[in-house]
Amino acid sequence: MTDKQSDGIYHDVASPFCGIASDDLVVEVHGNTVTVKENGDPVTRHGFETPLTDLSPRIKGKEVSLDEAVSHIAGLLKNSKQPLIGGMGTDLNGARAAMALADISRATIDSQFSDAAFRNILVLQDSGYMTTTLTEVRNRVDVLLVVGTDIESSFPRFFERVIWPKESMFDQDVESREIIYLGKKPSGDASTSPGGRKAEVIECDDADLPEVISVLRALSNERQIQAETVGGIAVSKLNEIAEKLHTADYGVIAWSGTQLNHDHAEVTIQNICEMIKEINESVRCNGLPLGGKEGDTTVNAVSSWQSGYPMRTSFSRNMPDYDPYMNRGQRMLDEGEVDVLLWVSSFNTEGTPPKTDATTIVLGRSGMTFEQEPEVFIPVGVPGIDHIGRTFRCDSVVSVPLKKLRDSGLPSTYDVLTAVEQAL
C-alpha cells in the first residue's frame, strides 16, 4: 500500500466495525465510493459503504479551515473548568492522542460503550477471570454455551469464521461441536452447523438470568437444588448443561456485556467467571466476552497501558484519577458538571453526542447530522478507509492493521487531537 491510493479492488481488508475484526473482505474503491464485494455482512457493509458528504470543518455551522477549527477548540479547552472527552470511537493512535490531550487539558475521559464494557471490567478488577481467544475457540471448542446473547445480531460472521471453519488446527470434526443458547434465542441460522445440526435453545427472560446462572453454578459444583424449575427452565435441563461443561474437552462460555443489560449484570458475569474457574479444577473451560466494536476494546487497552486504568479516568488533579462511578461521562453531563464536551466518533454517523448544555465539539464521521449544531464539527477520516490504523479484536490479544483505501483528504482523529494538544 502506498500513501496515494487508486481506484480498484482491495483484498484481505480488515473490518474495524465488528469486534471479531474479519480480515478477509474484498472491497472495491471508486473515487470516494467504497463497496464491499465479498465476505461482507450487514455490520461491515454499513460501515464501509456509508457515503462521504461533509469535507470541511464548521464553527457554529459556518465552514472554516482546519487550522481555525483547531485554534477554536484549543481556546475552549483553555477556558474550560471541567472538560470531558467522550465517545472515543477511534483507533489506537486516536486513543493515544485523546489520552495525551486529556492529560494536558485536565479532562475526564470516557467511552460511549463504557456502560457495557464495565460489566466485564469491574469483574476483572474485582476477582479476575479466565478467558480464551478467537483462535483457541476456532481450533479447540467442542461445547459452546452462549449466555443471554444473540451473537449473530452483533457479530454476523462469528459462527462462519470461528465455529464452523473449513479446517481447524487439530483436525477436529467441527460438525460434532455442540452449541447451547441459554437466555436469548438466535435471530438467524448462523449457529446451525454446515451439516444442518441446530443449536439447542433454552429460553428465559433477561430478568431471570441472574437466578438461572446462580443455579447453574450451584449444579456445576454438585450442590442440591430443591426447586424443580428456575426462570421457567427445568433444573434438570440446567443440570444437563453443567454435565456437558464438565465432560467437554474444551468448553467455552460466551456472553456480550452489551446484551446482558439487566440491573447489576456484572454480578451475573462474575458468577459465570467464578463457575469457569471452578470447572477448570477438573477440565478445560474458558470465557469469551464479546464486544470491541468501533474501538471499544482498543481505547480501554490504550488507557490502561498509558495511565494504569481503563476509561472513566480524570486528569483534573494532574494525575490519573480513576473512578468508574463518579467519572461516568453521562452522569457528569446529567449533573451539569461538564462545561466542554469533546466527542470523538470516527466510525459511525449515528454515534452522535448526547443532549447537553455543555459546549460541544465533535470529531465525527462525515455525514453526521445533529439535532443541535455543535460549537465545532470536524469531519475526520475513518480508520481502515481514509487512513491506516490499528484496532484490537474483542479478545484483546491481536492488534489488527487497517489499510487506507481512498484519498478523501480528511484528517485522522490523531492528527486533529495532536494539533489541539500542540496549540495548548
Protein backbone atom coordinates (compact mmCIF):
# COMPACT_ATOMS: atom_id res chain seq x y z
CA MET A 1 0.00 0.00 0.00
CA THR A 2 1.27 3.41 -0.94
CA ASP A 3 0.17 6.69 0.58
CA LYS A 4 -1.52 7.62 -2.70
CA GLN A 5 -4.48 5.34 -3.32
CA SER A 6 -6.05 4.47 -6.66
CA ASP A 7 -9.36 3.01 -7.71
CA GLY A 8 -9.53 -0.75 -7.82
CA ILE A 9 -10.16 -3.94 -5.88
CA TYR A 10 -8.54 -4.47 -2.48
CA HIS A 11 -8.23 -7.95 -0.98
CA ASP A 12 -7.76 -9.12 2.63
CA VAL A 13 -9.23 -5.93 4.05
CA ALA A 14 -9.85 -5.92 7.82
CA SER A 15 -13.06 -4.53 9.28
CA PRO A 16 -12.85 -2.14 12.26
CA PHE A 17 -16.64 -2.19 12.63
CA CYS A 18 -17.06 -5.62 14.23
CA GLY A 19 -15.36 -7.00 17.34
CA ILE A 20 -14.05 -10.11 15.60
CA ALA A 21 -12.24 -7.91 13.03
CA SER A 22 -12.84 -10.07 9.95
CA ASP A 23 -9.78 -9.58 7.74
CA ASP A 24 -10.83 -11.32 4.51
CA LEU A 25 -13.02 -8.67 2.91
CA VAL A 26 -12.82 -7.84 -0.78
CA VAL A 27 -13.52 -4.14 -1.29
CA GLU A 28 -13.91 -2.06 -4.43
CA VAL A 29 -12.97 1.63 -4.38
CA HIS A 30 -14.13 4.11 -7.00
CA GLY A 31 -13.32 7.68 -6.09
CA ASN A 32 -14.78 8.18 -2.62
CA THR A 33 -17.25 5.32 -3.02
CA VAL A 34 -16.39 2.10 -1.19
CA THR A 35 -18.26 -1.16 -1.83
CA VAL A 36 -17.82 -4.49 -0.07
CA LYS A 37 -17.82 -7.07 -2.86
CA GLU A 38 -17.11 -10.30 -0.97
CA ASN A 39 -17.42 -11.62 2.61
CA GLY A 40 -19.50 -8.68 3.78
CA ASP A 41 -22.28 -8.69 6.36
CA PRO A 42 -24.80 -6.03 7.49
CA VAL A 43 -22.36 -4.55 10.02
CA THR A 44 -19.33 -4.31 7.72
CA ARG A 45 -21.27 -3.21 4.63
CA HIS A 46 -22.91 -0.36 6.53
CA GLY A 47 -19.53 0.64 7.95
CA PHE A 48 -17.65 0.68 4.67
CA GLU A 49 -20.40 1.93 2.36
CA THR A 50 -21.67 4.97 4.31
CA PRO A 51 -21.44 7.86 1.78
CA LEU A 52 -18.88 10.62 2.18
CA THR A 53 -20.58 14.04 2.45
CA ASP A 54 -19.02 16.68 4.74
CA LEU A 55 -15.42 17.55 3.97
CA SER A 56 -14.97 20.91 5.73
CA PRO A 57 -14.85 21.77 9.45
CA ARG A 58 -17.56 24.04 10.84
CA ILE A 59 -17.76 26.51 13.71
CA LYS A 60 -21.37 27.25 14.70
CA GLY A 61 -22.46 25.86 11.33
CA LYS A 62 -20.10 28.02 9.25
CA GLU A 63 -17.40 26.34 7.18
CA VAL A 64 -13.87 27.20 8.30
CA SER A 65 -10.34 25.92 7.75
CA LEU A 66 -8.95 23.07 9.84
CA ASP A 67 -6.46 25.45 11.47
CA GLU A 68 -9.29 27.78 12.53
CA ALA A 69 -11.27 24.88 13.98
CA VAL A 70 -8.25 23.56 15.89
CA SER A 71 -7.48 27.02 17.28
CA HIS A 72 -11.08 27.45 18.41
CA ILE A 73 -11.07 24.05 20.17
CA ALA A 74 -7.82 24.92 21.94
CA GLY A 75 -9.36 28.18 23.17
CA LEU A 76 -12.42 26.37 24.52
CA LEU A 77 -10.30 23.84 26.38
CA LYS A 78 -8.01 26.53 27.82
CA ASN A 79 -11.01 28.26 29.37
CA SER A 80 -12.78 25.09 30.48
CA LYS A 81 -13.11 24.28 34.17
CA GLN A 82 -14.27 20.69 33.57
CA PRO A 83 -13.79 19.26 30.08
CA LEU A 84 -14.95 15.76 29.17
CA ILE A 85 -13.56 13.73 26.26
CA GLY A 86 -16.29 11.27 25.32
CA GLY A 87 -17.44 8.97 22.55
CA MET A 88 -13.96 7.57 21.92
CA GLY A 89 -14.91 5.82 18.70
CA THR A 90 -11.38 5.76 17.34
CA ASP A 91 -8.36 3.57 16.63
CA LEU A 92 -5.16 3.02 18.59
CA ASN A 93 -3.38 6.24 17.57
CA GLY A 94 -6.56 8.26 18.04
CA ALA A 95 -6.89 6.86 21.55
CA ARG A 96 -3.26 7.72 22.34
CA ALA A 97 -3.81 11.30 21.17
CA ALA A 98 -7.01 11.57 23.23
CA MET A 99 -5.16 10.40 26.35
CA ALA A 100 -2.40 12.94 25.76
CA LEU A 101 -4.96 15.72 25.30
CA ALA A 102 -6.89 14.66 28.42
CA ASP A 103 -3.65 14.86 30.39
CA ILE A 104 -2.69 18.35 29.25
CA SER A 105 -6.24 19.76 29.42
CA ARG A 106 -7.11 18.11 32.76
CA ALA A 107 -10.09 16.41 31.19
CA THR A 108 -12.02 13.33 32.21
CA ILE A 109 -12.13 10.62 29.53
CA ASP A 110 -14.87 8.05 28.94
CA SER A 111 -16.19 5.90 26.09
CA GLN A 112 -19.72 5.75 24.69
CA PHE A 113 -19.52 1.96 25.17
CA SER A 114 -18.40 2.05 28.80
CA ASP A 115 -21.70 1.03 30.39
CA ALA A 116 -21.39 -2.34 28.65
CA ALA A 117 -17.60 -2.61 28.87
CA PHE A 118 -17.58 -2.05 32.63
CA ARG A 119 -19.84 -5.03 33.19
CA ASN A 120 -16.72 -7.02 32.30
CA ILE A 121 -14.05 -4.63 33.59
CA LEU A 122 -15.50 -4.48 37.12
CA VAL A 123 -15.39 -8.29 37.30
CA LEU A 124 -11.82 -8.40 36.01
CA GLN A 125 -10.75 -5.84 38.61
CA ASP A 126 -12.61 -7.46 41.50
CA SER A 127 -11.94 -11.17 41.10
CA GLY A 128 -10.27 -11.74 37.72
CA TYR A 129 -11.42 -14.14 35.04
CA MET A 130 -10.18 -16.85 32.69
CA THR A 131 -10.81 -16.00 29.04
CA THR A 132 -9.80 -17.50 25.73
CA THR A 133 -9.09 -16.17 22.25
CA LEU A 134 -10.95 -16.42 18.96
CA THR A 135 -8.16 -18.63 17.60
CA GLU A 136 -8.36 -21.03 20.54
CA VAL A 137 -12.13 -21.27 20.11
CA ARG A 138 -11.76 -21.85 16.37
CA ASN A 139 -9.35 -24.74 16.90
CA ARG A 140 -10.46 -26.37 20.16
CA VAL A 141 -14.03 -25.75 21.31
CA ASP A 142 -16.40 -28.72 21.48
CA VAL A 143 -19.14 -27.22 23.69
CA LEU A 144 -20.13 -23.54 23.35
CA LEU A 145 -22.60 -22.13 25.87
CA VAL A 146 -23.96 -18.71 24.86
CA VAL A 147 -25.47 -16.80 27.80
CA GLY A 148 -28.10 -14.09 27.31
CA THR A 149 -26.70 -13.12 23.93
CA ASP A 150 -27.83 -13.26 20.31
CA ILE A 151 -24.34 -13.43 18.83
CA GLU A 152 -25.17 -13.09 15.15
CA SER A 153 -27.12 -9.83 15.60
CA SER A 154 -23.90 -8.03 16.53
CA PHE A 155 -21.27 -10.43 15.16
CA PRO A 156 -22.86 -11.79 11.94
CA ARG A 157 -19.80 -13.81 10.86
CA PHE A 158 -18.81 -15.22 14.25
CA PHE A 159 -20.06 -18.73 13.55
CA GLU A 160 -18.77 -18.79 9.98
CA ARG A 161 -15.31 -17.59 10.98
CA VAL A 162 -14.87 -19.16 14.42
CA ILE A 163 -17.22 -22.11 14.99
CA TRP A 164 -17.69 -23.63 11.53
CA PRO A 165 -14.30 -23.14 9.81
CA LYS A 166 -13.43 -25.35 6.87
CA GLU A 167 -10.42 -26.63 8.76
CA SER A 168 -9.05 -26.46 12.31
CA MET A 169 -5.50 -26.80 13.59
CA PHE A 170 -6.05 -30.22 15.19
CA ASP A 171 -8.31 -31.75 12.51
CA GLN A 172 -11.28 -31.62 14.85
CA ASP A 173 -14.61 -32.61 13.34
CA VAL A 174 -16.36 -29.23 13.68
CA GLU A 175 -19.69 -30.91 12.92
CA SER A 176 -19.51 -32.51 16.37
CA ARG A 177 -19.41 -29.14 18.13
CA GLU A 178 -22.40 -28.51 20.37
CA ILE A 179 -23.97 -25.06 20.62
CA ILE A 180 -26.29 -24.19 23.52
CA TYR A 181 -28.15 -20.88 23.88
CA LEU A 182 -29.22 -20.04 27.43
CA GLY A 183 -31.49 -16.97 27.64
CA LYS A 184 -31.95 -15.28 24.25
CA LYS A 185 -32.68 -17.34 21.17
CA PRO A 186 -30.63 -16.70 18.00
CA SER A 187 -32.10 -14.32 15.45
CA GLY A 188 -30.93 -16.39 12.48
CA ASP A 189 -29.46 -19.73 11.47
CA ALA A 190 -25.73 -18.96 11.67
CA SER A 191 -25.38 -21.27 14.70
CA THR A 192 -26.68 -24.22 12.65
CA SER A 193 -23.79 -26.48 11.62
CA PRO A 194 -22.86 -26.95 7.94
CA GLY A 195 -24.45 -30.40 8.19
CA GLY A 196 -27.72 -28.97 9.50
CA ARG A 197 -27.34 -29.58 13.23
CA LYS A 198 -29.35 -26.96 15.11
CA ALA A 199 -28.27 -25.23 18.30
CA GLU A 200 -30.07 -26.16 21.50
CA VAL A 201 -32.08 -23.16 22.67
CA ILE A 202 -33.18 -22.80 26.30
CA GLU A 203 -35.02 -19.50 26.67
CA CYS A 204 -35.67 -17.33 29.69
CA ASP A 205 -36.29 -13.66 30.35
CA ASP A 206 -33.27 -11.42 30.88
CA ALA A 207 -34.54 -10.61 34.37
CA ASP A 208 -34.33 -14.31 35.28
CA LEU A 209 -30.74 -14.80 34.12
CA PRO A 210 -29.11 -13.91 37.48
CA GLU A 211 -31.05 -16.66 39.24
CA VAL A 212 -30.61 -19.13 36.36
CA ILE A 213 -26.82 -18.65 36.32
CA SER A 214 -26.64 -18.93 40.12
CA VAL A 215 -28.44 -22.27 39.99
CA LEU A 216 -26.29 -23.47 37.07
CA ARG A 217 -23.15 -22.65 39.07
CA ALA A 218 -24.52 -24.49 42.10
CA LEU A 219 -25.30 -27.55 39.97
CA SER A 220 -21.83 -27.35 38.44
CA ASN A 221 -20.49 -27.65 41.99
CA GLU A 222 -22.76 -30.66 42.65
CA ARG A 223 -24.96 -28.75 45.07
CA GLN A 224 -28.51 -29.99 45.68
CA ILE A 225 -31.31 -27.76 44.37
CA GLN A 226 -34.76 -28.33 45.81
CA ALA A 227 -36.68 -26.31 43.21
CA GLU A 228 -37.78 -28.10 40.04
CA THR A 229 -37.73 -25.00 37.82
CA VAL A 230 -35.97 -21.64 37.79
CA GLY A 231 -36.86 -18.81 35.42
CA GLY A 232 -39.17 -21.20 33.61
CA ILE A 233 -36.31 -23.66 32.96
CA ALA A 234 -36.30 -27.16 34.40
CA VAL A 235 -33.46 -27.61 36.88
CA SER A 236 -32.84 -30.99 35.25
CA LYS A 237 -32.10 -29.17 31.98
CA LEU A 238 -29.59 -26.88 33.72
CA ASN A 239 -28.00 -29.96 35.27
CA GLU A 240 -27.53 -31.38 31.76
CA ILE A 241 -25.66 -28.20 30.76
CA ALA A 242 -23.44 -28.46 33.84
CA GLU A 243 -22.63 -32.07 32.99
CA LYS A 244 -21.77 -31.16 29.39
CA LEU A 245 -19.37 -28.43 30.55
CA HIS A 246 -17.69 -30.90 32.93
CA THR A 247 -17.28 -33.57 30.26
CA ALA A 248 -16.20 -31.28 27.40
CA ASP A 249 -12.61 -31.36 26.19
CA TYR A 250 -12.70 -27.59 25.71
CA GLY A 251 -15.83 -25.81 26.87
CA VAL A 252 -16.40 -22.10 26.26
CA ILE A 253 -19.00 -19.80 27.78
CA ALA A 254 -19.64 -16.67 25.70
CA TRP A 255 -21.58 -13.50 26.52
CA SER A 256 -21.90 -9.89 25.40
CA GLY A 257 -21.81 -7.16 28.02
CA THR A 258 -23.96 -5.02 25.73
CA GLN A 259 -26.74 -7.59 25.61
CA LEU A 260 -26.58 -8.52 29.30
CA ASN A 261 -28.42 -5.33 30.07
CA HIS A 262 -30.28 -6.18 33.27
CA ASP A 263 -29.62 -4.50 36.61
CA HIS A 264 -26.24 -5.40 38.13
CA ALA A 265 -25.35 -7.56 35.14
CA GLU A 266 -21.73 -7.52 36.34
CA VAL A 267 -22.78 -9.84 39.18
CA THR A 268 -24.17 -12.34 36.67
CA ILE A 269 -20.94 -12.12 34.67
CA GLN A 270 -18.93 -12.62 37.87
CA ASN A 271 -20.96 -15.75 38.63
CA ILE A 272 -20.19 -17.07 35.13
CA CYS A 273 -16.49 -16.33 35.56
CA GLU A 274 -16.26 -17.94 39.00
CA MET A 275 -18.04 -21.03 37.65
CA ILE A 276 -15.46 -21.22 34.85
CA LYS A 277 -12.63 -21.17 37.41
CA GLU A 278 -14.31 -23.96 39.38
CA ILE A 279 -14.84 -26.13 36.30
CA ASN A 280 -11.13 -25.74 35.49
CA GLU A 281 -10.26 -27.72 38.59
CA SER A 282 -11.02 -30.84 36.55
CA VAL A 283 -11.38 -29.93 32.83
CA ARG A 284 -10.63 -27.11 30.42
CA CYS A 285 -13.20 -24.30 30.27
CA ASN A 286 -12.84 -20.64 29.33
CA GLY A 287 -14.89 -17.48 28.93
CA LEU A 288 -15.31 -15.41 25.78
CA PRO A 289 -16.62 -11.87 26.37
CA LEU A 290 -17.81 -10.48 23.04
CA GLY A 291 -17.60 -6.76 22.27
CA GLY A 292 -14.93 -4.47 20.90
CA LYS A 293 -16.81 -2.76 18.11
CA GLU A 294 -15.67 0.64 16.82
CA GLY A 295 -12.57 0.83 19.01
CA ASP A 296 -14.22 -0.22 22.28
CA THR A 297 -11.54 -2.75 23.28
CA THR A 298 -8.80 -0.58 21.80
CA VAL A 299 -9.45 2.57 23.84
CA ASN A 300 -9.56 0.70 27.16
CA ALA A 301 -6.31 -1.07 26.29
CA VAL A 302 -4.57 2.22 25.42
CA SER A 303 -5.90 3.93 28.54
CA SER A 304 -4.76 1.03 30.73
CA TRP A 305 -1.20 0.92 29.45
CA GLN A 306 -0.80 4.70 29.48
CA SER A 307 -2.47 5.57 32.79
CA GLY A 308 -2.77 2.25 34.58
CA TYR A 309 -6.56 2.48 34.39
CA PRO A 310 -9.32 1.91 31.80
CA MET A 311 -11.79 4.57 30.70
CA ARG A 312 -13.51 6.80 33.30
CA THR A 313 -10.22 8.33 34.34
CA SER A 314 -9.86 12.01 35.23
CA PHE A 315 -6.75 14.16 34.95
CA SER A 316 -8.26 17.13 36.81
CA ARG A 317 -5.68 16.78 39.60
CA ASN A 318 -2.72 16.49 37.20
CA MET A 319 -2.62 12.73 37.73
CA PRO A 320 -4.73 9.76 36.60
CA ASP A 321 -7.73 9.57 38.95
CA TYR A 322 -9.89 6.53 38.21
CA ASP A 323 -13.47 6.21 39.43
CA PRO A 324 -15.91 4.04 37.45
CA TYR A 325 -18.92 5.72 39.04
CA MET A 326 -18.04 9.40 39.56
CA ASN A 327 -16.22 9.63 36.20
CA ARG A 328 -19.05 8.09 34.19
CA GLY A 329 -19.40 10.61 31.37
CA GLN A 330 -23.19 10.51 31.12
CA ARG A 331 -23.55 11.04 34.88
CA MET A 332 -21.28 14.07 34.72
CA LEU A 333 -23.31 15.53 31.86
CA ASP A 334 -26.62 14.81 33.61
CA GLU A 335 -25.39 16.54 36.77
CA GLY A 336 -24.21 19.60 34.85
CA GLU A 337 -20.58 19.11 35.88
CA VAL A 338 -19.16 19.47 32.35
CA ASP A 339 -18.71 22.79 30.57
CA VAL A 340 -16.94 21.50 27.42
CA LEU A 341 -17.64 18.12 25.79
CA LEU A 342 -15.19 16.91 23.12
CA TRP A 343 -16.91 13.97 21.40
CA VAL A 344 -14.97 11.55 19.18
CA SER A 345 -16.84 9.14 16.89
CA SER A 346 -14.99 8.39 13.67
CA PHE A 347 -16.65 5.07 12.71
CA ASN A 348 -20.38 5.64 12.76
CA THR A 349 -22.55 8.58 11.65
CA GLU A 350 -25.12 7.53 14.27
CA GLY A 351 -22.61 7.88 17.10
CA THR A 352 -23.62 11.46 17.86
CA PRO A 353 -23.13 13.12 21.26
CA PRO A 354 -25.87 13.08 23.92
CA LYS A 355 -28.02 16.14 24.52
CA THR A 356 -26.24 18.51 26.86
CA ASP A 357 -25.95 22.16 27.84
CA ALA A 358 -22.17 21.85 27.67
CA THR A 359 -20.35 23.48 24.76
CA THR A 360 -19.91 20.59 22.35
CA ILE A 361 -17.06 19.79 19.98
CA VAL A 362 -17.48 16.82 17.63
CA LEU A 363 -14.77 14.97 15.74
CA GLY A 364 -17.06 12.69 13.79
CA ARG A 365 -17.56 10.66 10.69
CA SER A 366 -18.53 12.59 7.57
CA GLY A 367 -22.31 12.58 7.18
CA MET A 368 -23.26 13.07 10.82
CA THR A 369 -26.47 15.02 11.41
CA PHE A 370 -27.30 16.78 14.67
CA GLU A 371 -30.47 17.92 16.40
CA GLN A 372 -28.43 20.89 17.56
CA GLU A 373 -25.36 22.01 15.63
CA PRO A 374 -22.24 21.64 17.82
CA GLU A 375 -19.97 24.59 18.51
CA VAL A 376 -17.31 22.87 16.40
CA PHE A 377 -17.65 19.96 14.00
CA ILE A 378 -14.64 18.45 12.25
CA PRO A 379 -15.31 15.55 9.87
CA VAL A 380 -12.48 13.08 10.39
CA GLY A 381 -11.32 10.09 8.41
CA VAL A 382 -12.42 6.55 9.19
CA PRO A 383 -9.60 4.23 10.31
CA GLY A 384 -9.33 1.46 7.75
CA ILE A 385 -10.86 3.57 4.98
CA ASP A 386 -9.38 7.07 4.94
CA HIS A 387 -6.12 6.33 6.73
CA ILE A 388 -4.12 3.41 8.09
CA GLY A 389 -4.58 2.42 11.70
CA ARG A 390 -4.79 -0.38 14.24
CA THR A 391 -7.64 -1.81 16.29
CA PHE A 392 -7.85 -4.60 18.86
CA ARG A 393 -10.17 -7.57 18.46
CA CYS A 394 -12.66 -8.40 21.21
CA ASP A 395 -10.25 -10.97 22.69
CA SER A 396 -7.66 -8.22 23.30
CA VAL A 397 -4.73 -10.31 22.02
CA VAL A 398 -4.48 -9.28 18.37
CA SER A 399 -3.87 -5.77 17.07
CA VAL A 400 -5.32 -5.75 13.55
CA PRO A 401 -3.67 -3.47 10.94
CA LEU A 402 -6.13 -1.33 8.99
CA LYS A 403 -5.49 -0.24 5.41
CA LYS A 404 -6.01 3.10 3.73
CA LEU A 405 -8.44 2.62 0.83
CA ARG A 406 -9.11 6.10 -0.55
CA ASP A 407 -7.80 9.67 -0.63
CA SER A 408 -10.64 11.64 0.92
CA GLY A 409 -8.42 14.40 2.26
CA LEU A 410 -9.97 14.06 5.72
CA PRO A 411 -7.60 14.31 8.71
CA SER A 412 -7.36 11.45 11.18
CA THR A 413 -8.57 11.82 14.76
CA TYR A 414 -4.91 11.53 15.80
CA ASP A 415 -3.95 14.45 13.52
CA VAL A 416 -6.65 16.73 14.89
CA LEU A 417 -6.21 15.90 18.58
CA THR A 418 -2.41 16.18 18.30
CA ALA A 419 -2.79 19.61 16.66
CA VAL A 420 -5.08 20.71 19.53
CA GLU A 421 -2.60 19.44 22.09
CA GLN A 422 0.21 21.37 20.41
CA ALA A 423 -1.95 24.50 20.31
CA LEU A 424 -2.40 24.23 24.08
